[in-house]
Structures are given as C-alpha cells and as structure tokens.
C-alpha cells in the first residue's frame, strides 16, 4: 500500500487554478516574532508550510532575518551535481544563493549534503565545499560515505582502514573513536613480500607504523575511500578474508572465518573531470568478491557490506542529521513534509531515494540532473520523479512544486467546484517540468 504522504504530492499548475490566485491575498508573507513552536528568537522564522503559509513574492531579506520554509527541505549529492572534476558547476553556486534566501519569496530553505565520497574529515570536506560554493557549510549538515561508520567505533577494537591519500583515512577513523587503526602500509612495512609489486614510498615508510602482526587479530576492514592501489589493497583484504579470524599469515580451512569488510559506498562508477565516468569503490568490491570466489573455488563465504547510497540505513542517518540541523539552525522541531533529493546517479541516488520514500513517514522526492553520471537521452535504470538539466533547475522545481501545493490546498470548492478540485488534486504530478529558460510565465503565472 502506498504511504499516506502520497496525498500531498503535486505537479503541474493547470490553467484552471489561476482563479485561485485571489486566495493568496489572505496569505501574507511575514516574519513572526516567535518560532513555529511558539518560542521566541529562532535563527529564522517559518513559512511555506505554517498555517499562514507565505506565497506572495517579496524582496529577499538578509539571510539572518529571512523566514524559513518549514514544510520542505533539500538534500544534495555532490560529485556530478555541485562539483565536477574538483570545480563548481556554475549553476550550483546560484542554487545555493536561492536556498539561502535570494529568491522571489525571500525564504530560506534548509538543506544538507549526502555524498558517497570520503577520504577526508567532514570538517575538511566542508571547508573545500564552502570555497567552491562560496558559502559557509557546516559539518552538522554534511554526510560523507564513511560518516555512518563512526557508529561502529565501539563495536570493533582493531581494524584495517583502506583507501584515501596517505594517512588521511587513519586520522578520520581515529577521529571517529576507533582505538586501534591499521593501514595497508603498516602491513607492507612489516612484511614487504605481502605485495610483490608494490613498494612503499619514502613518505609511506616514514608514516606507516612498526608492528608485529604475528599476534594481532584484525576484527573488521573498513574501506573509507577509493583505493590508490587496487592490486595491493585487494591482496591484503583477500589474505584477511581467507584467514582464521583475522590473523594475517593464517589460512582458514572453511574459508568463512574472515572479518567483515565494510565499504563506505557501492558506486561502480562516478563523475570526474574526464568525459567518461570513472571506476569507483563498487568496482573494487566486485573485483574482490569475484577473486575470492575464484581463489576459494566457491568454497568459502566473503562477508562484505556497504554503507552509502542507495542503502536505506544511509537515508535514515540523513533523516536524523536533517532533523538535527533544522532544529539547531532554524528552530524547527517537526520534520519536513517533503525532502527533495538531487542526484546524478540513477543506481544510487535515485534508487535509494525512491526506496526510502516507500518506507519513510514523510515524502522523499527524487530529482535527477544531467550534469553527472546520467547521460541525457538514455533510459535511467531507476526512474526519478523529475529530471532537470541542472541543480539550479532542481531547486526551482522544488520551490515551484511547493507553491503549487499551497495553492491547491487553499482552493475552495465554491471557486472551482468539487469536480475540478478533485481533478486538480489527482493530476498534480502529471506534467513535465519546464526548464527555467523556456518559461514565459512566473511561478504563480
């Protein structure tokens, strides 16, 4: 059975609704002195979802004083949506301005970032993204692929961390609270025969830690970021997968005693500076699984797990983060009715959003952009609720859709009649999105 939030979804603004515009005269945009829960002095005050939902366009206010949309929010993937090849996609900078109040309604719209990427601390990633987007971004609104792994720090003591540049991922893991963090460099430094064709650089020799692994039990493996040495990392993970309980140098008779291996995401490809997509962590995982199966002659069992999109648990984590951010930054306690998720990869972004939407208490509305992995003209494996050219179009689409929802909900039967109102409510999601540059009418046209 479809979840109850379906009844609130909207779409095309049909011509018959123009008559309802006079209802908007009763809906004035204002900045109340108290927040949505009645307490005074929140960072922003709510609108577009409050009982007096504001719809009349105004000159954008200062971000500190601008009212806040409490009924909806946005969540963004990063690579291929906001960034490509380390550079900001131009429309992304403009989209952030719109969300922060530079729009015809003068409203702020809460948002978070949910990326499968990693390899740095959340603070470092936010500093990089802040420069690229020309705004201040807080770690409190940011999720890396490995962010949910912090919740496993109390579960495992000695762990192997794979991927990333230099010692970055070890530092991230230790920052999460993992007590004993090993890297592939530590293992190679102890026994250079581990990887016959991989020798440590002078910096790696200096930074890798001396350790006798003859009496060390590695309880879990965490792939925090993309591997910089696929052959060496796969070899070491394979050794552990075939070991007796995570003891290097041992060989299990049953081939099912190895430690669990956790990947921060499962994307086979991702959008980088190259014209074609590049191999990602999901490809590394599949290679490991195929090699393990071949080497063990399908005898054993490899224990692999993935975080990140499209895993439902990652969207549950994002829901908690968004709620904390809305409360901390905007004084909003109630969850949004709708979250618009903007991504470029059908297999992770769209699939995950649609899957989570089936179970969530509120609506998660998937929007696919054409600036990343998805290639225009192809049929996506997982169908989004909307496909738009850029992230700026996605933001405008979400705002427009929310405005239309407010208009339809304000209609009286004596304006259009019962039959017309029913049709409007049933057909709200039926029309295709019109790109910004093709519109001849304003949002409330």
Protein backbone atom coordinates (compact mmCIF):
# COMPACT_ATOMS: atom_id res chain seq x y z
CA UNK A 1 0.00 0.00 0.00
CA UNK A 2 1.31 3.44 -0.87
CA UNK A 3 2.27 5.60 2.12
CA UNK A 4 -0.11 8.30 3.27
CA UNK A 5 2.18 11.14 2.21
CA UNK A 6 1.27 10.45 -1.41
CA UNK A 7 -1.83 12.56 -0.98
CA UNK A 8 0.26 15.69 -0.61
CA UNK A 9 2.36 15.29 -3.77
CA UNK A 10 1.88 17.87 -6.50
CA UNK A 11 2.94 18.69 -10.02
CA UNK A 12 1.71 20.79 -12.94
CA UNK A 13 -0.06 24.07 -12.25
CA UNK A 14 -3.09 23.62 -14.50
CA UNK A 15 -4.76 26.62 -16.04
CA UNK A 16 -7.94 26.21 -14.05
CA UNK A 17 -6.08 27.05 -10.84
CA UNK A 18 -5.46 30.63 -11.92
CA UNK A 19 -8.83 31.52 -10.44
CA UNK A 20 -7.49 30.53 -7.04
CA UNK A 21 -4.91 33.30 -7.03
CA UNK A 22 -7.27 35.63 -5.22
CA UNK A 23 -6.99 33.24 -2.28
CA UNK A 24 -3.36 34.26 -1.99
CA UNK A 25 -4.38 37.72 -0.84
CA UNK A 26 -5.16 36.12 2.50
CA UNK A 27 -1.70 34.58 2.75
CA UNK A 28 0.74 37.39 3.55
CA UNK A 29 4.46 36.79 3.77
CA UNK A 30 5.59 37.93 7.21
CA UNK A 31 8.28 37.31 9.76
CA UNK A 32 6.52 36.45 13.04
CA UNK A 33 8.24 37.32 16.28
CA UNK A 34 8.02 33.76 17.54
CA UNK A 35 9.15 30.49 16.02
CA UNK A 36 6.92 27.67 14.88
CA UNK A 37 6.78 26.12 18.35
CA UNK A 38 5.84 29.42 19.97
CA UNK A 39 9.27 30.20 21.40
CA UNK A 40 10.91 33.50 20.55
CA UNK A 41 14.15 34.20 18.79
CA UNK A 42 14.96 31.33 16.39
CA UNK A 43 17.61 31.94 13.70
CA UNK A 44 14.81 32.14 11.13
CA UNK A 45 11.04 32.00 11.26
CA UNK A 46 8.90 29.52 9.43
CA UNK A 47 6.70 29.92 6.40
CA UNK A 48 5.58 27.95 3.35
CA UNK A 49 4.08 25.24 5.48
CA UNK A 50 2.91 27.09 8.54
CA UNK A 51 -0.86 27.72 8.90
CA UNK A 52 -0.36 31.08 7.22
CA UNK A 53 1.95 29.68 4.54
CA UNK A 54 3.52 32.62 2.73
CA UNK A 55 3.26 32.82 -1.01
CA UNK A 56 3.47 36.46 -2.04
CA UNK A 57 6.80 37.36 -3.67
CA UNK A 58 8.93 39.85 -1.75
CA UNK A 59 12.38 41.33 -1.98
CA UNK A 60 14.80 38.76 -0.48
CA UNK A 61 15.70 39.55 3.12
CA UNK A 62 19.01 39.29 4.86
CA UNK A 63 19.66 35.58 5.48
CA UNK A 64 19.56 36.06 9.27
CA UNK A 65 16.09 37.64 9.18
CA UNK A 66 14.60 35.68 6.28
CA UNK A 67 11.66 33.41 7.08
CA UNK A 68 12.30 29.68 6.79
CA UNK A 69 10.36 27.11 4.80
CA UNK A 70 9.34 24.56 7.40
CA UNK A 71 7.38 22.13 5.21
CA UNK A 72 10.19 21.08 2.86
CA UNK A 73 13.94 20.74 2.59
CA UNK A 74 16.64 19.67 0.14
CA UNK A 75 19.40 17.06 0.23
CA UNK A 76 22.18 17.08 -2.36
CA UNK A 77 24.69 14.67 -3.77
CA UNK A 78 27.96 16.48 -4.56
CA UNK A 79 30.00 14.97 -7.39
CA UNK A 80 28.16 15.47 -10.67
CA UNK A 81 25.56 17.71 -9.03
CA UNK A 82 27.51 20.56 -7.41
CA UNK A 83 31.09 19.69 -8.37
CA UNK A 84 32.73 18.12 -11.38
CA UNK A 85 36.45 17.48 -11.60
CA UNK A 86 37.10 19.49 -8.45
CA UNK A 87 35.37 22.59 -9.81
CA UNK A 88 31.98 24.05 -9.01
CA UNK A 89 29.26 23.60 -11.60
CA UNK A 90 28.24 27.25 -12.23
CA UNK A 91 24.53 26.68 -11.63
CA UNK A 92 25.34 25.14 -8.24
CA UNK A 93 26.66 28.41 -6.84
CA UNK A 94 23.45 30.15 -7.91
CA UNK A 95 21.34 27.33 -6.45
CA UNK A 96 22.93 27.83 -3.04
CA UNK A 97 22.08 31.53 -3.17
CA UNK A 98 18.45 30.70 -3.92
CA UNK A 99 18.28 28.32 -0.95
CA UNK A 100 19.79 30.93 1.34
CA UNK A 101 17.07 33.49 0.60
CA UNK A 102 17.98 35.04 -2.74
CA UNK A 103 14.65 34.12 -4.30
CA UNK A 104 11.40 35.90 -5.16
CA UNK A 105 9.81 34.80 -1.86
CA UNK A 106 12.70 35.83 0.38
CA UNK A 107 12.69 32.47 2.16
CA UNK A 108 15.49 30.28 3.42
CA UNK A 109 15.17 26.58 2.67
CA UNK A 110 17.03 24.09 4.91
CA UNK A 111 19.38 21.67 3.15
CA UNK A 112 22.04 19.03 3.79
CA UNK A 113 24.65 17.24 1.71
CA UNK A 114 24.79 13.47 1.31
CA UNK A 115 27.76 12.18 -0.69
CA UNK A 116 29.25 8.74 -1.14
CA UNK A 117 32.68 10.36 -1.37
CA UNK A 118 35.11 10.47 1.51
CA UNK A 119 38.77 10.22 2.39
CA UNK A 120 38.85 13.39 4.50
CA UNK A 121 37.24 14.52 7.71
CA UNK A 122 33.83 16.12 7.43
CA UNK A 123 35.43 19.40 8.51
CA UNK A 124 37.92 19.27 5.63
CA UNK A 125 35.26 18.34 3.09
CA UNK A 126 33.06 21.20 4.29
CA UNK A 127 35.94 23.67 4.06
CA UNK A 128 36.58 22.59 0.46
CA UNK A 129 32.91 22.74 -0.50
CA UNK A 130 32.43 26.10 1.21
CA UNK A 131 35.10 27.63 -1.02
CA UNK A 132 33.65 26.03 -4.13
CA UNK A 133 30.05 27.05 -3.37
CA UNK A 134 31.03 30.47 -1.95
CA UNK A 135 29.03 29.91 1.25
CA UNK A 136 29.65 28.63 4.77
CA UNK A 137 28.85 24.92 5.10
CA UNK A 138 28.80 23.23 8.49
CA UNK A 139 29.82 19.63 9.25
CA UNK A 140 26.44 19.44 11.00
CA UNK A 141 24.78 19.40 7.57
CA UNK A 142 27.22 17.07 5.83
CA UNK A 143 27.41 13.29 5.43
CA UNK A 144 30.36 11.53 3.78
CA UNK A 145 30.17 7.92 2.67
CA UNK A 146 32.07 6.90 5.79
CA UNK A 147 30.25 9.18 8.27
CA UNK A 148 27.86 6.41 9.45
CA UNK A 149 30.91 4.23 10.22
CA UNK A 150 31.56 6.35 13.31
CA UNK A 151 28.69 4.48 14.97
CA UNK A 152 30.75 1.25 14.75
CA UNK A 153 33.76 2.56 16.68
CA UNK A 154 32.53 0.96 19.90
CA UNK A 155 31.86 -2.37 18.22
CA UNK A 156 35.37 -3.14 16.94
CA UNK A 157 38.76 -2.64 18.57
CA UNK A 158 41.47 -3.40 15.98
CA UNK A 159 40.52 -2.52 12.41
CA UNK A 160 42.15 -2.18 8.99
CA UNK A 161 41.30 1.05 7.16
CA UNK A 162 41.74 1.10 3.38
CA UNK A 163 41.78 3.89 0.79
CA UNK A 164 42.46 7.59 0.52
CA UNK A 165 45.61 9.67 0.41
CA UNK A 166 48.45 8.97 2.82
CA UNK A 167 47.37 8.79 6.46
CA UNK A 168 44.10 10.70 5.96
CA UNK A 169 41.74 7.78 6.48
CA UNK A 170 43.59 6.56 9.56
CA UNK A 171 43.17 10.05 11.01
CA UNK A 172 39.47 10.08 10.13
CA UNK A 173 38.94 6.68 11.76
CA UNK A 174 40.79 7.70 14.91
CA UNK A 175 38.70 10.86 14.99
CA UNK A 176 35.60 8.67 14.93
CA UNK A 177 36.84 6.89 18.05
CA UNK A 178 38.35 3.70 16.60
CA UNK A 179 41.00 2.68 19.11
CA UNK A 180 43.49 0.62 17.08
CA UNK A 181 43.69 1.55 13.39
CA UNK A 182 45.93 -0.32 10.94
CA UNK A 183 46.62 0.64 7.32
CA UNK A 184 47.88 -1.47 4.40
CA UNK A 185 51.14 0.45 4.70
CA UNK A 186 51.67 -0.92 8.21
CA UNK A 187 51.26 -4.47 6.91
CA UNK A 188 53.58 -3.97 3.94
CA UNK A 189 56.18 -2.33 6.19
CA UNK A 190 56.10 -5.40 8.43
CA UNK A 191 56.39 -7.84 5.50
CA UNK A 192 57.31 -6.41 2.10
CA UNK A 193 56.54 -9.77 0.45
CA UNK A 194 52.85 -9.10 1.09
CA UNK A 195 52.65 -7.13 -2.17
CA UNK A 196 55.45 -8.26 -4.53
CA UNK A 197 54.96 -5.40 -7.00
CA UNK A 198 54.11 -2.66 -4.51
CA UNK A 199 56.88 -0.94 -2.60
CA UNK A 200 56.30 1.82 -0.10
CA UNK A 201 57.45 5.33 -0.95
CA UNK A 202 59.83 7.13 1.44
CA UNK A 203 56.88 9.07 2.91
CA UNK A 204 54.88 5.87 3.35
CA UNK A 205 57.82 4.18 5.06
CA UNK A 206 58.07 7.11 7.46
CA UNK A 207 54.34 7.35 8.23
CA UNK A 208 53.49 3.62 8.35
CA UNK A 209 53.75 2.20 11.86
CA UNK A 210 56.07 -0.56 13.02
CA UNK A 211 54.11 -3.55 14.20
CA UNK A 212 54.48 -7.28 14.72
CA UNK A 213 51.34 -8.82 13.26
CA UNK A 214 52.04 -12.35 14.46
CA UNK A 215 49.74 -11.82 17.43
CA UNK A 216 47.25 -9.28 16.06
CA UNK A 217 43.60 -10.03 15.33
CA UNK A 218 42.00 -7.66 12.83
CA UNK A 219 38.32 -7.61 13.71
CA UNK A 220 36.98 -5.68 10.71
CA UNK A 221 38.04 -3.96 7.50
CA UNK A 222 36.70 -0.51 6.57
CA UNK A 223 37.18 0.88 3.06
CA UNK A 224 36.83 4.57 3.83
CA UNK A 225 37.71 5.97 0.40
CA UNK A 226 38.69 4.94 -3.11
CA UNK A 227 41.80 2.78 -3.20
CA UNK A 228 45.01 4.27 -4.59
CA UNK A 229 46.48 0.78 -5.02
CA UNK A 230 43.83 -1.68 -6.11
CA UNK A 231 46.15 -4.68 -6.51
CA UNK A 232 47.84 -4.25 -3.14
CA UNK A 233 44.65 -3.47 -1.22
CA UNK A 234 42.75 -6.38 -2.79
CA UNK A 235 45.64 -8.72 -1.94
CA UNK A 236 45.63 -7.70 1.73
CA UNK A 237 41.82 -7.86 2.01
CA UNK A 238 41.91 -11.29 0.33
CA UNK A 239 44.52 -12.51 2.83
CA UNK A 240 42.26 -11.44 5.69
CA UNK A 241 39.12 -12.88 4.08
CA UNK A 242 40.81 -16.30 3.86
CA UNK A 243 42.39 -16.09 7.32
CA UNK A 244 41.46 -17.70 10.59
CA UNK A 245 39.54 -14.98 12.37
CA UNK A 246 41.51 -12.03 11.01
CA UNK A 247 45.02 -13.30 11.79
CA UNK A 248 47.44 -12.46 8.98
CA UNK A 249 49.56 -15.40 7.84
CA UNK A 250 46.88 -17.98 8.68
CA UNK A 251 44.62 -19.85 6.26
CA UNK A 252 41.12 -20.98 7.13
CA UNK A 253 40.08 -24.49 6.16
CA UNK A 254 36.47 -23.42 5.67
CA UNK A 255 37.25 -20.02 4.11
CA UNK A 256 34.43 -18.37 6.04
CA UNK A 257 36.23 -17.13 9.16
CA UNK A 258 37.48 -13.80 7.84
CA UNK A 259 36.49 -10.45 9.35
CA UNK A 260 33.63 -8.44 7.85
CA UNK A 261 34.61 -5.91 5.18
CA UNK A 262 32.66 -2.65 5.11
CA UNK A 263 32.64 -0.33 2.11
CA UNK A 264 31.61 3.30 2.55
CA UNK A 265 29.58 3.07 -0.65
CA UNK A 266 28.87 0.79 -3.59
CA UNK A 267 29.07 3.10 -6.64
CA UNK A 268 30.64 1.22 -9.54
CA UNK A 269 31.28 4.49 -11.41
CA UNK A 270 31.33 8.20 -10.60
CA UNK A 271 31.56 11.53 -12.41
CA UNK A 272 35.02 13.14 -12.51
CA UNK A 273 36.81 15.58 -14.81
CA UNK A 274 37.07 13.01 -17.62
CA UNK A 275 34.37 12.95 -20.28
CA UNK A 276 33.55 9.34 -19.38
CA UNK A 277 32.69 8.00 -15.92
CA UNK A 278 35.50 6.59 -13.75
CA UNK A 279 35.58 3.35 -11.75
CA UNK A 280 34.59 3.68 -8.12
CA UNK A 281 34.54 1.71 -4.89
CA UNK A 282 31.73 -0.55 -6.03
CA UNK A 283 34.01 -1.86 -8.77
CA UNK A 284 36.70 -2.61 -6.17
CA UNK A 285 34.17 -4.54 -4.10
CA UNK A 286 33.05 -6.60 -7.08
CA UNK A 287 36.63 -7.41 -8.03
CA UNK A 288 37.34 -8.62 -4.50
CA UNK A 289 34.20 -10.77 -4.48
CA UNK A 290 34.97 -12.35 -7.86
CA UNK A 291 38.61 -13.04 -6.96
CA UNK A 292 37.63 -14.55 -3.60
CA UNK A 293 35.12 -16.82 -5.30
CA UNK A 294 37.68 -17.95 -7.88
CA UNK A 295 40.55 -18.48 -5.43
CA UNK A 296 38.40 -20.44 -2.95
CA UNK A 297 36.65 -22.30 -5.78
CA UNK A 298 33.32 -21.04 -4.43
CA UNK A 299 34.03 -22.86 -1.19
CA UNK A 300 34.02 -20.03 1.29
CA UNK A 301 31.94 -17.04 2.29
CA UNK A 302 33.05 -13.44 1.99
CA UNK A 303 31.39 -11.07 4.46
CA UNK A 304 31.04 -7.71 2.66
CA UNK A 305 28.68 -4.88 3.47
CA UNK A 306 28.14 -1.40 2.02
CA UNK A 307 27.12 1.91 3.53
CA UNK A 308 26.26 4.96 1.46
CA UNK A 309 23.53 5.39 -1.11
CA UNK A 310 21.34 3.52 -2.01
CA UNK A 311 21.30 1.83 1.41
CA UNK A 312 18.17 2.70 3.39
CA UNK A 313 20.25 2.99 6.56
CA UNK A 314 22.17 5.89 4.99
CA UNK A 315 18.93 7.76 4.28
CA UNK A 316 17.79 7.06 7.83
CA UNK A 317 21.05 8.59 9.04
CA UNK A 318 20.43 11.57 6.73
CA UNK A 319 16.93 11.99 8.15
CA UNK A 320 18.33 12.26 11.67
CA UNK A 321 21.01 14.72 10.55
CA UNK A 322 18.49 16.89 8.70
CA UNK A 323 16.21 16.98 11.73
CA UNK A 324 19.09 17.98 14.00
CA UNK A 325 20.18 20.68 11.54
CA UNK A 326 16.66 22.13 11.20
CA UNK A 327 16.32 22.26 14.97
CA UNK A 328 19.80 23.67 15.60
CA UNK A 329 19.89 26.23 12.79
CA UNK A 330 16.24 27.14 12.30
CA UNK A 331 14.41 26.19 15.49
CA UNK A 332 12.17 23.69 13.67
CA UNK A 333 11.16 20.63 15.68
CA UNK A 334 8.71 18.99 13.29
CA UNK A 335 10.16 17.05 10.33
CA UNK A 336 9.55 18.44 6.82
CA UNK A 337 6.64 17.05 4.83
CA UNK A 338 8.88 16.68 1.77
CA UNK A 339 12.61 16.26 1.20
CA UNK A 340 13.85 16.83 -2.35
CA UNK A 341 16.92 14.73 -3.05
CA UNK A 342 19.02 15.87 -6.01
CA UNK A 343 21.45 13.39 -7.56
CA UNK A 344 23.18 12.43 -10.79
CA UNK A 345 23.37 8.64 -10.46
CA UNK A 346 20.19 6.60 -11.01
CA UNK A 347 21.67 3.44 -9.48
CA UNK A 348 22.47 5.06 -6.12
CA UNK A 349 20.87 8.50 -5.76
CA UNK A 350 17.52 7.81 -7.41
CA UNK A 351 17.24 4.17 -6.41
CA UNK A 352 18.00 4.98 -2.78
CA UNK A 353 15.63 7.95 -2.62
CA UNK A 354 12.76 6.02 -4.18
CA UNK A 355 13.34 3.02 -1.94
CA UNK A 356 13.47 5.12 1.20
CA UNK A 357 10.39 7.05 0.10
CA UNK A 358 8.40 3.81 0.20
CA UNK A 359 9.06 3.43 3.92
CA UNK A 360 9.60 6.96 5.22
CA UNK A 361 7.00 8.82 7.27
CA UNK A 362 7.40 11.85 5.00
CA UNK A 363 7.92 12.20 1.25
CA UNK A 364 11.37 11.84 -0.33
CA UNK A 365 11.15 13.20 -3.88
CA UNK A 366 13.91 12.15 -6.29
CA UNK A 367 15.30 14.63 -8.84
CA UNK A 368 17.87 13.58 -11.46
CA UNK A 369 20.23 16.13 -13.02
CA UNK A 370 22.06 15.83 -16.33
CA UNK A 371 25.45 17.18 -15.22
CA UNK A 372 27.00 13.94 -13.95
CA UNK A 373 26.81 10.17 -14.40
CA UNK A 374 23.39 10.15 -16.06
CA UNK A 375 23.63 10.71 -19.81
CA UNK A 376 20.82 12.69 -21.41
CA UNK A 377 18.79 10.61 -23.84
CA UNK A 378 19.33 7.30 -22.04
CA UNK A 379 16.70 5.47 -20.01
CA UNK A 380 17.67 5.53 -16.30
CA UNK A 381 17.63 2.16 -14.57
CA UNK A 382 15.66 3.75 -11.73
CA UNK A 383 13.11 6.39 -12.65
CA UNK A 384 13.22 9.74 -10.84
CA UNK A 385 10.16 11.81 -10.01
CA UNK A 386 11.67 14.60 -12.12
CA UNK A 387 14.61 15.01 -14.50
CA UNK A 388 16.07 18.50 -14.94
CA UNK A 389 19.16 20.00 -16.62
CA UNK A 390 21.00 21.35 -13.56
CA UNK A 391 20.82 21.64 -9.78
CA UNK A 392 19.50 25.20 -10.12
CA UNK A 393 16.58 23.83 -12.11
CA UNK A 394 16.09 21.20 -9.39
CA UNK A 395 15.85 23.86 -6.67
CA UNK A 396 13.43 25.96 -8.72
CA UNK A 397 11.37 22.84 -9.44
CA UNK A 398 11.07 22.02 -5.74
CA UNK A 399 10.06 25.57 -4.79
CA UNK A 400 7.56 25.73 -7.64
CA UNK A 401 6.07 22.40 -6.61
CA UNK A 402 5.66 23.55 -3.00
CA UNK A 403 3.99 26.79 -4.11
CA UNK A 404 1.53 24.81 -6.19
CA UNK A 405 0.78 22.53 -3.26
CA UNK A 406 -0.10 25.56 -1.14
CA UNK A 407 -2.31 26.96 -3.90
CA UNK A 408 -4.22 23.72 -4.42
CA UNK A 409 -4.71 23.20 -0.69
CA UNK A 410 -6.13 26.73 -0.40
CA UNK A 411 -8.79 26.20 -3.08
CA UNK A 412 -12.43 26.33 -2.04
CA UNK A 413 -14.99 24.17 -3.75
CA UNK A 414 -17.10 27.25 -4.45
CA UNK A 415 -14.26 28.65 -6.63
CA UNK A 416 -13.66 25.73 -9.00
CA UNK A 417 -16.33 23.29 -7.96
CA UNK A 418 -15.95 19.89 -6.31
CA UNK A 419 -15.17 18.02 -9.54
CA UNK A 420 -12.44 20.46 -10.62
CA UNK A 421 -10.83 20.42 -7.17
CA UNK A 422 -10.75 16.63 -7.16
CA UNK A 423 -9.18 16.60 -10.62
CA UNK A 424 -6.56 19.14 -9.55
CA UNK A 425 -5.58 17.01 -6.56
CA UNK A 426 -5.36 13.86 -8.70
CA UNK A 427 -3.40 15.40 -11.58
CA UNK A 428 -0.86 17.47 -9.68
CA UNK A 429 2.15 15.32 -10.63
CA UNK A 430 1.18 14.70 -14.24
CA UNK A 431 3.03 17.38 -16.22
CA UNK A 432 6.65 17.54 -17.31
CA UNK A 433 8.93 20.12 -15.72
CA UNK A 434 9.60 23.14 -17.91
CA UNK A 435 13.25 24.32 -17.76
CA UNK A 436 13.77 27.84 -16.45
CA UNK A 437 14.93 29.26 -19.75
CA UNK A 438 11.76 28.05 -21.52
CA UNK A 439 9.27 29.61 -19.10
CA UNK A 440 7.24 32.57 -20.28
CA UNK A 441 5.30 32.89 -17.02
CA UNK A 442 6.43 33.40 -13.41
CA UNK A 443 5.99 30.61 -10.88
CA UNK A 444 2.48 31.66 -9.93
CA UNK A 445 1.78 32.67 -13.58
